[in-house]
Amino acid sequence: MTNPVKEIFSVDAPPAPAALAAKVRTLAPSMTRSMQRVAEAVADDPAGCAALTVTGLAELTGTSEATVVRTARLLGYPGYRDLRLALAGLAAHQQSGRAPAVTADIAVDDPIADVVTKLAYDEQQTLADTAAGLDTVQLGAAVAAAATARRIDIYGVGASSLVGMDLAQKLLRIGLIAHAHADPHLAVTNAVQLRSGDVAIAITHSGSTGDVIEPLRVAFDRGATTVAITGRPDGPVSQYADHVLTTSTARESELRPAAMSSRTSQLLVVDCLFIGVAQRTYETAAPALAASYEALAHRHSPRTR
């Protein structure tokens, strides 16, 4: 079975300007320090960098022209000229009257009202970044595979296991056979039973969680279609993924660890995947969903004595 995402950063078309900042946040941890300087410069000052030649940007960041070009390509642009056009578009968008950004840094002594405001802003930014960077071609392929799957296995541990359970229960309610596995031993045991026509989905923010990668690898070797939902598309999990769905890499803080911030973007991707499957299977999904509502209706009504 071949892996169509070996060249994980190759794209058919450059990402839209609005996706640039999200792309930088997602890919920066995997870049060299010199490439990070270029990426941070273009994200922090798109208008200023859009006015620079490749030589000018290299001088500004203390790097080389080759590093600037490599960074542009890693971000999804064929060359520096395409990146400059995206920067100009992003600068125009930022100067179109939007309200100034709210910092999401939460201090120990922040009033609870400020905590609410900062968290709400950070959640909104995480969702916007994920939507901007999500590859809809990869998403569509994952939807198509899941909609016709004999069986769907979902792997995740820790906070990602909660997202996996959310997806599994949604798929079950529209009549699909789906199971979420948080126990790594059971995950591998079930993965061994998969074959062509089945789907395995791994959810890992870091892209390097061994307890999630192992069952996905087994499923991949058995011929199942494999999907990775991850914030690190260059991580080890992608080696065994036919389709990679990238989530936003939100900034961590002392009071907001990655497990908390990543869950928001993972849930958005899961909801997009579920809705896509429900659309494709509507004739069977709608009656199944109605039947599940009816079966549970009495649990939401006051009991009569």
Foldseek 3Di string as FASTA:
>chain_A
DDAPCPVVQEDPAQFALLLLLLLLQLCLVVDDPLLNLLSVVCNVQLPVVLPDDLCRSCVVSVHDSVSNQVSCVSNHHNGVNRVSVSSVVNVCVVPPDDDDQDALDDDPPDDVVVPVVSVVSLLVVQQSNLVRPWDVVLLLVLLVLQLQAQAEEEEDEDLVLVLQVVLQVLCVLLPHHYDYDHDLVVLLVVLLPAADRYEYEYEDAALEPPSRQVSLQSNLVRHYAYEYEYSHCPHPSSVSHSGYTHGGQGDADPVRHRSRSRSSRSNVSSVSSSVSSCVVVVVRRVVSNVVVCVVCVVVVDDDDD
